[in-house]
Amino acid sequence: MSIIERIKSALEELKIRDISIYDLGKKSVIADYIVVSTADSSVQLDSGRGRIEELMWKTKLPLKNPSEDWNGGWLIMDYGDIIINIFLEEKRSFYNLDGLLGSHEYESSEIKNVFNR
């Protein structure tokens, strides 16, 4: 299972919903993949952060923004090639990151392993 699939699975286990994965590998120098998802509460947002940090620590990918404040309802976790966003519903609608990235979404069956390009 690729790291992207494992991230998606970890978020789904926590009932974090509306998970979109965008492949920007050939289109951006910022990141290869951007994950956008929705949490129903700040407690769920915090649980998502803990689960992803644990998963990525095991994968030996360091978090580049460990002091990121998410109290505003938007958690951004920058792992270099992978950026994970977990929003509260109203923040996701307001910032409309999906609208910006929408043309780059793909199905999980098309996910490539980040480490085996």
PDB file of N, CA and C in Angstrom:
ATOM      1  N   MET A   1       0.850  -1.173   0.000  1.00  0.00           N
ATOM      2  CA  MET A   1       0.000   0.000   0.000  1.00  0.00           C
ATOM      3  C   MET A   1       0.900   1.241   0.000  1.00  0.00           C
ATOM      4  N   SER A   2       0.623   2.187  -0.874  1.00  0.00           N
ATOM      5  CA  SER A   2       1.433   3.404  -0.969  1.00  0.00           C
ATOM      6  C   SER A   2       1.178   4.312   0.234  1.00  0.00           C
ATOM      7  N   ILE A   3       2.064   5.265   0.432  1.00  0.00           N
ATOM      8  CA  ILE A   3       1.914   6.199   1.543  1.00  0.00           C
ATOM      9  C   ILE A   3       0.635   7.030   1.380  1.00  0.00           C
ATOM     10  N   ILE A   4       0.291   7.379   0.175  1.00  0.00           N
ATOM     11  CA  ILE A   4      -0.932   8.156  -0.065  1.00  0.00           C
ATOM     12  C   ILE A   4      -2.156   7.326   0.320  1.00  0.00           C
ATOM     13  N   GLU A   5      -2.173   6.063  -0.058  1.00  0.00           N
ATOM     14  CA  GLU A   5      -3.284   5.187   0.323  1.00  0.00           C
ATOM     15  C   GLU A   5      -3.350   5.012   1.837  1.00  0.00           C
ATOM     16  N   ARG A   6      -2.201   4.943   2.490  1.00  0.00           N
ATOM     17  CA  ARG A   6      -2.174   4.799   3.945  1.00  0.00           C
ATOM     18  C   ARG A   6      -2.676   6.063   4.635  1.00  0.00           C
ATOM     19  N   ILE A   7      -2.351   7.211   4.096  1.00  0.00           N
ATOM     20  CA  ILE A   7      -2.870   8.475   4.638  1.00  0.00           C
ATOM     21  C   ILE A   7      -4.383   8.509   4.513  1.00  0.00           C
ATOM     22  N   LYS A   8      -4.884   8.172   3.336  1.00  0.00           N
ATOM     23  CA  LYS A   8      -6.335   8.162   3.117  1.00  0.00           C
ATOM     24  C   LYS A   8      -7.020   7.195   4.079  1.00  0.00           C
ATOM     25  N   SER A   9      -6.466   6.027   4.238  1.00  0.00           N
ATOM     26  CA  SER A   9      -7.033   5.019   5.130  1.00  0.00           C
ATOM     27  C   SER A   9      -7.050   5.507   6.580  1.00  0.00           C
ATOM     28  N   ALA A  10      -5.959   6.136   7.015  1.00  0.00           N
ATOM     29  CA  ALA A  10      -5.887   6.653   8.389  1.00  0.00           C
ATOM     30  C   ALA A  10      -6.955   7.713   8.628  1.00  0.00           C
ATOM     31  N   LEU A  11      -7.175   8.581   7.662  1.00  0.00           N
ATOM     32  CA  LEU A  11      -8.211   9.609   7.792  1.00  0.00           C
ATOM     33  C   LEU A  11      -9.602   8.982   7.808  1.00  0.00           C
ATOM     34  N   GLU A  12      -9.819   7.999   6.950  1.00  0.00           N
ATOM     35  CA  GLU A  12     -11.123   7.324   6.908  1.00  0.00           C
ATOM     36  C   GLU A  12     -11.427   6.603   8.219  1.00  0.00           C
ATOM     37  N   GLU A  13     -10.420   5.999   8.831  1.00  0.00           N
ATOM     38  CA  GLU A  13     -10.617   5.315  10.112  1.00  0.00           C
ATOM     39  C   GLU A  13     -11.116   6.263  11.183  1.00  0.00           C
ATOM     40  N   LEU A  14     -10.737   7.521  11.093  1.00  0.00           N
ATOM     41  CA  LEU A  14     -11.163   8.538  12.063  1.00  0.00           C
ATOM     42  C   LEU A  14     -12.465   9.220  11.647  1.00  0.00           C
ATOM     43  N   LYS A  15     -13.085   8.720  10.588  1.00  0.00           N
ATOM     44  CA  LYS A  15     -14.333   9.279  10.063  1.00  0.00           C
ATOM     45  C   LYS A  15     -14.167  10.702   9.536  1.00  0.00           C
ATOM     46  N   ILE A  16     -12.940  11.044   9.156  1.00  0.00           N
ATOM     47  CA  ILE A  16     -12.703  12.302   8.456  1.00  0.00           C
ATOM     48  C   ILE A  16     -13.176  12.060   7.036  1.00  0.00           C
ATOM     49  N   ARG A  17     -13.936  12.987   6.511  1.00  0.00           N
ATOM     50  CA  ARG A  17     -14.690  12.715   5.284  1.00  0.00           C
ATOM     51  C   ARG A  17     -14.280  13.612   4.117  1.00  0.00           C
ATOM     52  N   ASP A  18     -14.942  13.347   2.997  1.00  0.00           N
ATOM     53  CA  ASP A  18     -14.735  14.126   1.767  1.00  0.00           C
ATOM     54  C   ASP A  18     -13.254  14.275   1.444  1.00  0.00           C
ATOM     55  N   ILE A  19     -12.562  13.162   1.421  1.00  0.00           N
ATOM     56  CA  ILE A  19     -11.117  13.163   1.181  1.00  0.00           C
ATOM     57  C   ILE A  19     -10.856  13.256  -0.322  1.00  0.00           C
ATOM     58  N   SER A  20     -10.128  14.303  -0.695  1.00  0.00           N
ATOM     59  CA  SER A  20      -9.718  14.488  -2.088  1.00  0.00           C
ATOM     60  C   SER A  20      -8.200  14.470  -2.131  1.00  0.00           C
ATOM     61  N   ILE A  21      -7.664  13.806  -3.134  1.00  0.00           N
ATOM     62  CA  ILE A  21      -6.215  13.719  -3.298  1.00  0.00           C
ATOM     63  C   ILE A  21      -5.882  14.293  -4.673  1.00  0.00           C
ATOM     64  N   TYR A  22      -4.981  15.246  -4.693  1.00  0.00           N
ATOM     65  CA  TYR A  22      -4.607  15.925  -5.928  1.00  0.00           C
ATOM     66  C   TYR A  22      -3.156  15.608  -6.271  1.00  0.00           C
ATOM     67  N   ASP A  23      -2.939  15.207  -7.504  1.00  0.00           N
ATOM     68  CA  ASP A  23      -1.614  14.870  -8.007  1.00  0.00           C
ATOM     69  C   ASP A  23      -1.065  16.087  -8.740  1.00  0.00           C
ATOM     70  N   LEU A  24      -0.078  16.741  -8.162  1.00  0.00           N
ATOM     71  CA  LEU A  24       0.530  17.926  -8.770  1.00  0.00           C
ATOM     72  C   LEU A  24       1.967  17.669  -9.181  1.00  0.00           C
ATOM     73  N   GLY A  25       2.369  16.411  -9.186  1.00  0.00           N
ATOM     74  CA  GLY A  25       3.756  16.044  -9.433  1.00  0.00           C
ATOM     75  C   GLY A  25       4.407  16.675 -10.636  1.00  0.00           C
ATOM     76  N   LYS A  26       3.696  16.780 -11.724  1.00  0.00           N
ATOM     77  CA  LYS A  26       4.269  17.335 -12.946  1.00  0.00           C
ATOM     78  C   LYS A  26       3.832  18.781 -13.174  1.00  0.00           C
ATOM     79  N   LYS A  27       3.081  19.337 -12.222  1.00  0.00           N
ATOM     80  CA  LYS A  27       2.509  20.656 -12.422  1.00  0.00           C
ATOM     81  C   LYS A  27       2.971  21.693 -11.423  1.00  0.00           C
ATOM     82  N   SER A  28       3.658  21.268 -10.360  1.00  0.00           N
ATOM     83  CA  SER A  28       4.011  22.194  -9.291  1.00  0.00           C
ATOM     84  C   SER A  28       5.330  21.793  -8.636  1.00  0.00           C
ATOM     85  N   VAL A  29       6.079  22.783  -8.187  1.00  0.00           N
ATOM     86  CA  VAL A  29       7.293  22.508  -7.420  1.00  0.00           C
ATOM     87  C   VAL A  29       6.988  22.526  -5.923  1.00  0.00           C
ATOM     88  N   ILE A  30       5.772  22.901  -5.556  1.00  0.00           N
ATOM     89  CA  ILE A  30       5.396  22.988  -4.144  1.00  0.00           C
ATOM     90  C   ILE A  30       5.274  21.604  -3.525  1.00  0.00           C
ATOM     91  N   ALA A  31       4.561  20.704  -4.192  1.00  0.00           N
ATOM     92  CA  ALA A  31       4.343  19.352  -3.660  1.00  0.00           C
ATOM     93  C   ALA A  31       3.931  18.435  -4.797  1.00  0.00           C
ATOM     94  N   ASP A  32       4.099  17.137  -4.589  1.00  0.00           N
ATOM     95  CA  ASP A  32       3.623  16.159  -5.560  1.00  0.00           C
ATOM     96  C   ASP A  32       2.154  15.835  -5.322  1.00  0.00           C
ATOM     97  N   TYR A  33       1.748  15.778  -4.044  1.00  0.00           N
ATOM     98  CA  TYR A  33       0.382  15.424  -3.683  1.00  0.00           C
ATOM     99  C   TYR A  33      -0.156  16.381  -2.634  1.00  0.00           C
ATOM    100  N   ILE A  34      -1.405  16.775  -2.793  1.00  0.00           N
ATOM    101  CA  ILE A  34      -2.102  17.561  -1.783  1.00  0.00           C
ATOM    102  C   ILE A  34      -3.368  16.812  -1.412  1.00  0.00           C
ATOM    103  N   VAL A  35      -3.534  16.577  -0.118  1.00  0.00           N
ATOM    104  CA  VAL A  35      -4.703  15.895   0.425  1.00  0.00           C
ATOM    105  C   VAL A  35      -5.579  16.955   1.088  1.00  0.00           C
ATOM    106  N   VAL A  36      -6.872  16.939   0.766  1.00  0.00           N
ATOM    107  CA  VAL A  36      -7.830  17.875   1.350  1.00  0.00           C
ATOM    108  C   VAL A  36      -8.965  17.045   1.937  1.00  0.00           C
ATOM    109  N   SER A  37      -9.331  17.320   3.198  1.00  0.00           N
ATOM    110  CA  SER A  37     -10.374  16.540   3.862  1.00  0.00           C
ATOM    111  C   SER A  37     -11.122  17.411   4.872  1.00  0.00           C
ATOM    112  N   THR A  38     -12.229  16.859   5.387  1.00  0.00           N
ATOM    113  CA  THR A  38     -13.089  17.602   6.298  1.00  0.00           C
ATOM    114  C   THR A  38     -13.283  16.838   7.599  1.00  0.00           C
ATOM    115  N   ALA A  39     -13.079  17.545   8.712  1.00  0.00           N
ATOM    116  CA  ALA A  39     -13.353  17.023  10.049  1.00  0.00           C
ATOM    117  C   ALA A  39     -14.633  17.690  10.556  1.00  0.00           C
ATOM    118  N   ASP A  40     -15.360  16.995  11.415  1.00  0.00           N
ATOM    119  CA  ASP A  40     -16.603  17.533  11.943  1.00  0.00           C
ATOM    120  C   ASP A  40     -16.421  18.339  13.223  1.00  0.00           C
ATOM    121  N   SER A  41     -15.235  18.266  13.842  1.00  0.00           N
ATOM    122  CA  SER A  41     -15.006  18.990  15.088  1.00  0.00           C
ATOM    123  C   SER A  41     -13.518  19.219  15.283  1.00  0.00           C
ATOM    124  N   SER A  42     -13.182  20.107  16.216  1.00  0.00           N
ATOM    125  CA  SER A  42     -11.768  20.352  16.509  1.00  0.00           C
ATOM    126  C   SER A  42     -11.128  19.130  17.171  1.00  0.00           C
ATOM    127  N   VAL A  43     -11.920  18.337  17.885  1.00  0.00           N
ATOM    128  CA  VAL A  43     -11.401  17.098  18.479  1.00  0.00           C
ATOM    129  C   VAL A  43     -11.006  16.117  17.378  1.00  0.00           C
ATOM    130  N   GLN A  44     -11.830  15.989  16.363  1.00  0.00           N
ATOM    131  CA  GLN A  44     -11.532  15.106  15.236  1.00  0.00           C
ATOM    132  C   GLN A  44     -10.322  15.632  14.461  1.00  0.00           C
ATOM    133  N   LEU A  45     -10.219  16.943  14.333  1.00  0.00           N
ATOM    134  CA  LEU A  45      -9.070  17.563  13.678  1.00  0.00           C
ATOM    135  C   LEU A  45      -7.785  17.201  14.424  1.00  0.00           C
ATOM    136  N   ASP A  46      -7.817  17.305  15.739  1.00  0.00           N
ATOM    137  CA  ASP A  46      -6.666  16.975  16.563  1.00  0.00           C
ATOM    138  C   ASP A  46      -6.314  15.490  16.458  1.00  0.00           C
ATOM    139  N   SER A  47      -7.322  14.627  16.426  1.00  0.00           N
ATOM    140  CA  SER A  47      -7.088  13.186  16.266  1.00  0.00           C
ATOM    141  C   SER A  47      -6.444  12.897  14.919  1.00  0.00           C
ATOM    142  N   GLY A  48      -6.905  13.591  13.877  1.00  0.00           N
ATOM    143  CA  GLY A  48      -6.314  13.425  12.546  1.00  0.00           C
ATOM    144  C   GLY A  48      -4.854  13.809  12.536  1.00  0.00           C
ATOM    145  N   ARG A  49      -4.545  14.909  13.208  1.00  0.00           N
ATOM    146  CA  ARG A  49      -3.146  15.341  13.286  1.00  0.00           C
ATOM    147  C   ARG A  49      -2.294  14.273  13.964  1.00  0.00           C
ATOM    148  N   GLY A  50      -2.763  13.761  15.086  1.00  0.00           N
ATOM    149  CA  GLY A  50      -2.003  12.737  15.807  1.00  0.00           C
ATOM    150  C   GLY A  50      -1.793  11.484  14.991  1.00  0.00           C
ATOM    151  N   ARG A  51      -2.835  11.022  14.310  1.00  0.00           N
ATOM    152  CA  ARG A  51      -2.740   9.795  13.509  1.00  0.00           C
ATOM    153  C   ARG A  51      -1.778   9.977  12.346  1.00  0.00           C
ATOM    154  N   ILE A  52      -1.871  11.112  11.666  1.00  0.00           N
ATOM    155  CA  ILE A  52      -0.985  11.356  10.516  1.00  0.00           C
ATOM    156  C   ILE A  52       0.459  11.515  10.976  1.00  0.00           C
ATOM    157  N   GLU A  53       0.692  12.234  12.070  1.00  0.00           N
ATOM    158  CA  GLU A  53       2.059  12.382  12.581  1.00  0.00           C
ATOM    159  C   GLU A  53       2.668  11.025  12.911  1.00  0.00           C
ATOM    160  N   GLU A  54       1.881  10.150  13.523  1.00  0.00           N
ATOM    161  CA  GLU A  54       2.358   8.812  13.860  1.00  0.00           C
ATOM    162  C   GLU A  54       2.695   8.009  12.604  1.00  0.00           C
ATOM    163  N   LEU A  55       1.806   8.041  11.632  1.00  0.00           N
ATOM    164  CA  LEU A  55       2.023   7.328  10.375  1.00  0.00           C
ATOM    165  C   LEU A  55       3.274   7.830   9.662  1.00  0.00           C
ATOM    166  N   MET A  56       3.417   9.135   9.571  1.00  0.00           N
ATOM    167  CA  MET A  56       4.543   9.695   8.836  1.00  0.00           C
ATOM    168  C   MET A  56       5.860   9.509   9.604  1.00  0.00           C
ATOM    169  N   TRP A  57       5.806   9.505  10.919  1.00  0.00           N
ATOM    170  CA  TRP A  57       7.000   9.236  11.716  1.00  0.00           C
ATOM    171  C   TRP A  57       7.504   7.826  11.413  1.00  0.00           C
ATOM    172  N   LYS A  58       6.585   6.860  11.327  1.00  0.00           N
ATOM    173  CA  LYS A  58       6.960   5.480  10.997  1.00  0.00           C
ATOM    174  C   LYS A  58       7.533   5.382   9.594  1.00  0.00           C
ATOM    175  N   THR A  59       7.105   6.265   8.708  1.00  0.00           N
ATOM    176  CA  THR A  59       7.570   6.288   7.329  1.00  0.00           C
ATOM    177  C   THR A  59       8.863   7.088   7.188  1.00  0.00           C
ATOM    178  N   LYS A  60       9.257   7.743   8.282  1.00  0.00           N
ATOM    179  CA  LYS A  60      10.488   8.541   8.332  1.00  0.00           C
ATOM    180  C   LYS A  60      10.416   9.789   7.461  1.00  0.00           C
ATOM    181  N   LEU A  61       9.211  10.340   7.322  1.00  0.00           N
ATOM    182  CA  LEU A  61       9.042  11.620   6.643  1.00  0.00           C
ATOM    183  C   LEU A  61       8.836  12.690   7.710  1.00  0.00           C
ATOM    184  N   PRO A  62       9.730  13.679   7.791  1.00  0.00           N
ATOM    185  CA  PRO A  62       9.620  14.692   8.842  1.00  0.00           C
ATOM    186  C   PRO A  62       8.569  15.760   8.512  1.00  0.00           C
ATOM    187  N   LEU A  63       7.886  16.206   9.546  1.00  0.00           N
ATOM    188  CA  LEU A  63       6.931  17.305   9.421  1.00  0.00           C
ATOM    189  C   LEU A  63       7.720  18.601   9.348  1.00  0.00           C
ATOM    190  N   LYS A  64       7.498  19.374   8.298  1.00  0.00           N
ATOM    191  CA  LYS A  64       8.277  20.592   8.085  1.00  0.00           C
ATOM    192  C   LYS A  64       7.693  21.806   8.792  1.00  0.00           C
ATOM    193  N   ASN A  65       6.472  21.696   9.312  1.00  0.00           N
ATOM    194  CA  ASN A  65       5.841  22.811  10.020  1.00  0.00           C
ATOM    195  C   ASN A  65       5.234  22.345  11.349  1.00  0.00           C
ATOM    196  N   PRO A  66       6.073  21.851  12.277  1.00  0.00           N
ATOM    197  CA  PRO A  66       5.536  21.256  13.507  1.00  0.00           C
ATOM    198  C   PRO A  66       4.797  22.212  14.423  1.00  0.00           C
ATOM    199  N   SER A  67       4.997  23.491  14.301  1.00  0.00           N
ATOM    200  CA  SER A  67       4.325  24.427  15.198  1.00  0.00           C
ATOM    201  C   SER A  67       3.082  25.056  14.564  1.00  0.00           C
ATOM    202  N   GLU A  68       2.618  24.505  13.483  1.00  0.00           N
ATOM    203  CA  GLU A  68       1.446  25.044  12.779  1.00  0.00           C
ATOM    204  C   GLU A  68       0.243  25.109  13.714  1.00  0.00           C
ATOM    205  N   ASP A  69      -0.378  26.280  13.794  1.00  0.00           N
ATOM    206  CA  ASP A  69      -1.568  26.485  14.620  1.00  0.00           C
ATOM    207  C   ASP A  69      -2.811  26.138  13.799  1.00  0.00           C
ATOM    208  N   TRP A  70      -3.653  25.271  14.323  1.00  0.00           N
ATOM    209  CA  TRP A  70      -4.847  24.848  13.589  1.00  0.00           C
ATOM    210  C   TRP A  70      -6.125  25.279  14.292  1.00  0.00           C
ATOM    211  N   ASN A  71      -6.024  26.101  15.303  1.00  0.00           N
ATOM    212  CA  ASN A  71      -7.210  26.515  16.044  1.00  0.00           C
ATOM    213  C   ASN A  71      -8.222  27.270  15.195  1.00  0.00           C
ATOM    214  N   GLY A  72      -7.818  27.762  14.059  1.00  0.00           N
ATOM    215  CA  GLY A  72      -8.722  28.478  13.170  1.00  0.00           C
ATOM    216  C   GLY A  72      -9.566  27.556  12.301  1.00  0.00           C
ATOM    217  N   GLY A  73      -9.423  26.249  12.447  1.00  0.00           N
ATOM    218  CA  GLY A  73     -10.241  25.316  11.685  1.00  0.00           C
ATOM    219  C   GLY A  73      -9.608  24.789  10.409  1.00  0.00           C
ATOM    220  N   TRP A  74      -8.322  25.065  10.205  1.00  0.00           N
ATOM    221  CA  TRP A  74      -7.614  24.562   9.022  1.00  0.00           C
ATOM    222  C   TRP A  74      -6.243  24.071   9.470  1.00  0.00           C
ATOM    223  N   LEU A  75      -6.045  22.780   9.421  1.00  0.00           N
ATOM    224  CA  LEU A  75      -4.775  22.160   9.781  1.00  0.00           C
ATOM    225  C   LEU A  75      -4.006  21.856   8.502  1.00  0.00           C
ATOM    226  N   ILE A  76      -2.785  22.350   8.426  1.00  0.00           N
ATOM    227  CA  ILE A  76      -1.905  22.071   7.289  1.00  0.00           C
ATOM    228  C   ILE A  76      -0.691  21.325   7.816  1.00  0.00           C
ATOM    229  N   MET A  77      -0.421  20.168   7.228  1.00  0.00           N
ATOM    230  CA  MET A  77       0.749  19.381   7.598  1.00  0.00           C
ATOM    231  C   MET A  77       1.613  19.216   6.343  1.00  0.00           C
ATOM    232  N   ASP A  78       2.790  19.807   6.384  1.00  0.00           N
ATOM    233  CA  ASP A  78       3.683  19.837   5.232  1.00  0.00           C
ATOM    234  C   ASP A  78       4.773  18.793   5.395  1.00  0.00           C
ATOM    235  N   TYR A  79       4.735  17.781   4.525  1.00  0.00           N
ATOM    236  CA  TYR A  79       5.749  16.732   4.529  1.00  0.00           C
ATOM    237  C   TYR A  79       6.609  16.801   3.262  1.00  0.00           C
ATOM    238  N   GLY A  80       6.752  17.984   2.709  1.00  0.00           N
ATOM    239  CA  GLY A  80       7.569  18.140   1.511  1.00  0.00           C
ATOM    240  C   GLY A  80       6.796  17.760   0.266  1.00  0.00           C
ATOM    241  N   ASP A  81       6.910  16.523  -0.169  1.00  0.00           N
ATOM    242  CA  ASP A  81       6.212  16.063  -1.366  1.00  0.00           C
ATOM    243  C   ASP A  81       4.714  15.872  -1.144  1.00  0.00           C
ATOM    244  N   ILE A  82       4.306  15.832   0.118  1.00  0.00           N
ATOM    245  CA  ILE A  82       2.898  15.608   0.455  1.00  0.00           C
ATOM    246  C   ILE A  82       2.452  16.696   1.430  1.00  0.00           C
ATOM    247  N   ILE A  83       1.371  17.385   1.093  1.00  0.00           N
ATOM    248  CA  ILE A  83       0.781  18.374   1.989  1.00  0.00           C
ATOM    249  C   ILE A  83      -0.626  17.902   2.330  1.00  0.00           C
ATOM    250  N   ILE A  84      -0.896  17.795   3.633  1.00  0.00           N
ATOM    251  CA  ILE A  84      -2.187  17.295   4.101  1.00  0.00           C
ATOM    252  C   ILE A  84      -2.947  18.442   4.742  1.00  0.00           C
ATOM    253  N   ASN A  85      -4.175  18.662   4.277  1.00  0.00           N
ATOM    254  CA  ASN A  85      -5.055  19.691   4.807  1.00  0.00           C
ATOM    255  C   ASN A  85      -6.277  19.023   5.414  1.00  0.00           C
ATOM    256  N   ILE A  86      -6.578  19.361   6.663  1.00  0.00           N
ATOM    257  CA  ILE A  86      -7.817  18.918   7.284  1.00  0.00           C
ATOM    258  C   ILE A  86      -8.558  20.185   7.714  1.00  0.00           C
ATOM    259  N   PHE A  87      -9.742  20.370   7.187  1.00  0.00           N
ATOM    260  CA  PHE A  87     -10.544  21.556   7.446  1.00  0.00           C
ATOM    261  C   PHE A  87     -11.763  21.226   8.295  1.00  0.00           C
ATOM    262  N   LEU A  88     -12.263  22.206   9.019  1.00  0.00           N
ATOM    263  CA  LEU A  88     -13.638  22.163   9.477  1.00  0.00           C
ATOM    264  C   LEU A  88     -14.479  22.598   8.285  1.00  0.00           C
ATOM    265  N   GLU A  89     -15.710  22.135   8.207  1.00  0.00           N
ATOM    266  CA  GLU A  89     -16.566  22.342   7.024  1.00  0.00           C
ATOM    267  C   GLU A  89     -16.599  23.795   6.553  1.00  0.00           C
ATOM    268  N   GLU A  90     -16.850  24.727   7.463  1.00  0.00           N
ATOM    269  CA  GLU A  90     -17.011  26.130   7.053  1.00  0.00           C
ATOM    270  C   GLU A  90     -15.712  26.713   6.494  1.00  0.00           C
ATOM    271  N   LYS A  91     -14.572  26.268   6.984  1.00  0.00           N
ATOM    272  CA  LYS A  91     -13.286  26.752   6.469  1.00  0.00           C
ATOM    273  C   LYS A  91     -13.003  26.165   5.092  1.00  0.00           C
ATOM    274  N   ARG A  92     -13.350  24.896   4.904  1.00  0.00           N
ATOM    275  CA  ARG A  92     -13.130  24.276   3.588  1.00  0.00           C
ATOM    276  C   ARG A  92     -13.966  24.985   2.528  1.00  0.00           C
ATOM    277  N   SER A  93     -15.198  25.289   2.852  1.00  0.00           N
ATOM    278  CA  SER A  93     -16.062  26.010   1.909  1.00  0.00           C
ATOM    279  C   SER A  93     -15.530  27.411   1.633  1.00  0.00           C
ATOM    280  N   PHE A  94     -15.087  28.080   2.686  1.00  0.00           N
ATOM    281  CA  PHE A  94     -14.618  29.460   2.542  1.00  0.00           C
ATOM    282  C   PHE A  94     -13.370  29.549   1.667  1.00  0.00           C
ATOM    283  N   TYR A  95     -12.382  28.711   1.931  1.00  0.00           N
ATOM    284  CA  TYR A  95     -11.122  28.784   1.193  1.00  0.00           C
ATOM    285  C   TYR A  95     -11.169  28.094  -0.167  1.00  0.00           C
ATOM    286  N   ASN A  96     -12.088  27.166  -0.360  1.00  0.00           N
ATOM    287  CA  ASN A  96     -12.315  26.503  -1.650  1.00  0.00           C
ATOM    288  C   ASN A  96     -11.024  26.024  -2.321  1.00  0.00           C
ATOM    289  N   LEU A  97     -10.184  25.370  -1.555  1.00  0.00           N
ATOM    290  CA  LEU A  97      -8.954  24.804  -2.100  1.00  0.00           C
ATOM    291  C   LEU A  97      -9.257  23.779  -3.191  1.00  0.00           C
ATOM    292  N   ASP A  98     -10.391  23.076  -3.029  1.00  0.00           N
ATOM    293  CA  ASP A  98     -10.792  22.095  -4.050  1.00  0.00           C
ATOM    294  C   ASP A  98     -11.044  22.762  -5.397  1.00  0.00           C
ATOM    295  N   GLY A  99     -11.611  23.955  -5.382  1.00  0.00           N
ATOM    296  CA  GLY A  99     -11.854  24.675  -6.629  1.00  0.00           C
ATOM    297  C   GLY A  99     -10.561  25.020  -7.337  1.00  0.00           C
ATOM    298  N   LEU A 100      -9.555  25.360  -6.566  1.00  0.00           N
ATOM    299  CA  LEU A 100      -8.247  25.699  -7.120  1.00  0.00           C
ATOM    300  C   LEU A 100      -7.540  24.473  -7.692  1.00  0.00           C
ATOM    301  N   LEU A 101      -7.666  23.352  -7.003  1.00  0.00           N
ATOM    302  CA  LEU A 101      -6.934  22.144  -7.374  1.00  0.00           C
ATOM    303  C   LEU A 101      -7.756  21.140  -8.174  1.00  0.00           C
ATOM    304  N   GLY A 102      -9.045  21.376  -8.319  1.00  0.00           N
ATOM    305  CA  GLY A 102      -9.993  20.400  -8.845  1.00  0.00           C
ATOM    306  C   GLY A 102      -9.636  19.696 -10.128  1.00  0.00           C
ATOM    307  N   SER A 103      -8.962  20.343 -11.015  1.00  0.00           N
ATOM    308  CA  SER A 103      -8.656  19.697 -12.289  1.00  0.00           C
ATOM    309  C   SER A 103      -7.552  18.658 -12.163  1.00  0.00           C
ATOM    310  N   HIS A 104      -6.970  18.517 -10.983  1.00  0.00           N
ATOM    311  CA  HIS A 104      -5.864  17.589 -10.798  1.00  0.00           C
ATOM    312  C   HIS A 104      -6.225  16.389  -9.927  1.00  0.00           C
ATOM    313  N   GLU A 105      -7.520  16.218  -9.603  1.00  0.00           N
ATOM    314  CA  GLU A 105      -7.933  15.112  -8.742  1.00  0.00           C
ATOM    315  C   GLU A 105      -7.898  13.795  -9.520  1.00  0.00           C
ATOM    316  N   TYR A 106      -7.669  12.715  -8.813  1.00  0.00           N
ATOM    317  CA  TYR A 106      -7.657  11.406  -9.450  1.00  0.00           C
ATOM    318  C   TYR A 106      -8.214  10.375  -8.501  1.00  0.00           C
ATOM    319  N   GLU A 107      -8.576   9.237  -9.044  1.00  0.00           N
ATOM    320  CA  GLU A 107      -9.143   8.143  -8.254  1.00  0.00           C
ATOM    321  C   GLU A 107      -8.033   7.382  -7.541  1.00  0.00           C
ATOM    322  N   SER A 108      -8.377   6.756  -6.414  1.00  0.00           N
ATOM    323  CA  SER A 108      -7.362   6.040  -5.641  1.00  0.00           C
ATOM    324  C   SER A 108      -6.742   4.886  -6.427  1.00  0.00           C
ATOM    325  N   SER A 109      -7.450   4.360  -7.418  1.00  0.00           N
ATOM    326  CA  SER A 109      -6.879   3.278  -8.227  1.00  0.00           C
ATOM    327  C   SER A 109      -5.716   3.775  -9.085  1.00  0.00           C
ATOM    328  N   GLU A 110      -5.612   5.101  -9.254  1.00  0.00           N
ATOM    329  CA  GLU A 110      -4.542   5.676 -10.057  1.00  0.00           C
ATOM    330  C   GLU A 110      -3.381   6.170  -9.205  1.00  0.00           C
ATOM    331  N   ILE A 111      -3.461   5.992  -7.894  1.00  0.00           N
ATOM    332  CA  ILE A 111      -2.431   6.506  -6.997  1.00  0.00           C
ATOM    333  C   ILE A 111      -1.123   5.779  -7.243  1.00  0.00           C
ATOM    334  N   LYS A 112      -0.070   6.566  -7.387  1.00  0.00           N
ATOM    335  CA  LYS A 112       1.265   5.996  -7.526  1.00  0.00           C
ATOM    336  C   LYS A 112       1.957   6.098  -6.177  1.00  0.00           C
ATOM    337  N   ASN A 113       2.831   5.179  -5.922  1.00  0.00           N
ATOM    338  CA  ASN A 113       3.624   5.238  -4.707  1.00  0.00           C
ATOM    339  C   ASN A 113       4.597   6.417  -4.834  1.00  0.00           C
ATOM    340  N   VAL A 114       4.555   7.333  -3.882  1.00  0.00           N
ATOM    341  CA  VAL A 114       5.387   8.524  -3.903  1.00  0.00           C
ATOM    342  C   VAL A 114       6.868   8.160  -3.989  1.00  0.00           C
ATOM    343  N   PHE A 115       7.233   7.025  -3.408  1.00  0.00           N
ATOM    344  CA  PHE A 115       8.648   6.671  -3.325  1.00  0.00           C
ATOM    345  C   PHE A 115       9.120   5.801  -4.486  1.00  0.00           C
ATOM    346  N   ASN A 116       8.234   5.393  -5.365  1.00  0.00           N
ATOM    347  CA  ASN A 116       8.601   4.540  -6.505  1.00  0.00           C
ATOM    348  C   ASN A 116       8.115   5.167  -7.797  1.00  0.00           C
ATOM    349  N   ARG A 117       8.575   6.353  -8.099  1.00  0.00           N
ATOM    350  CA  ARG A 117       8.097   7.074  -9.285  1.00  0.00           C
ATOM    351  C   ARG A 117       8.612   6.444 -10.552  1.00  0.00           C
TER     352      ARG A 117
END
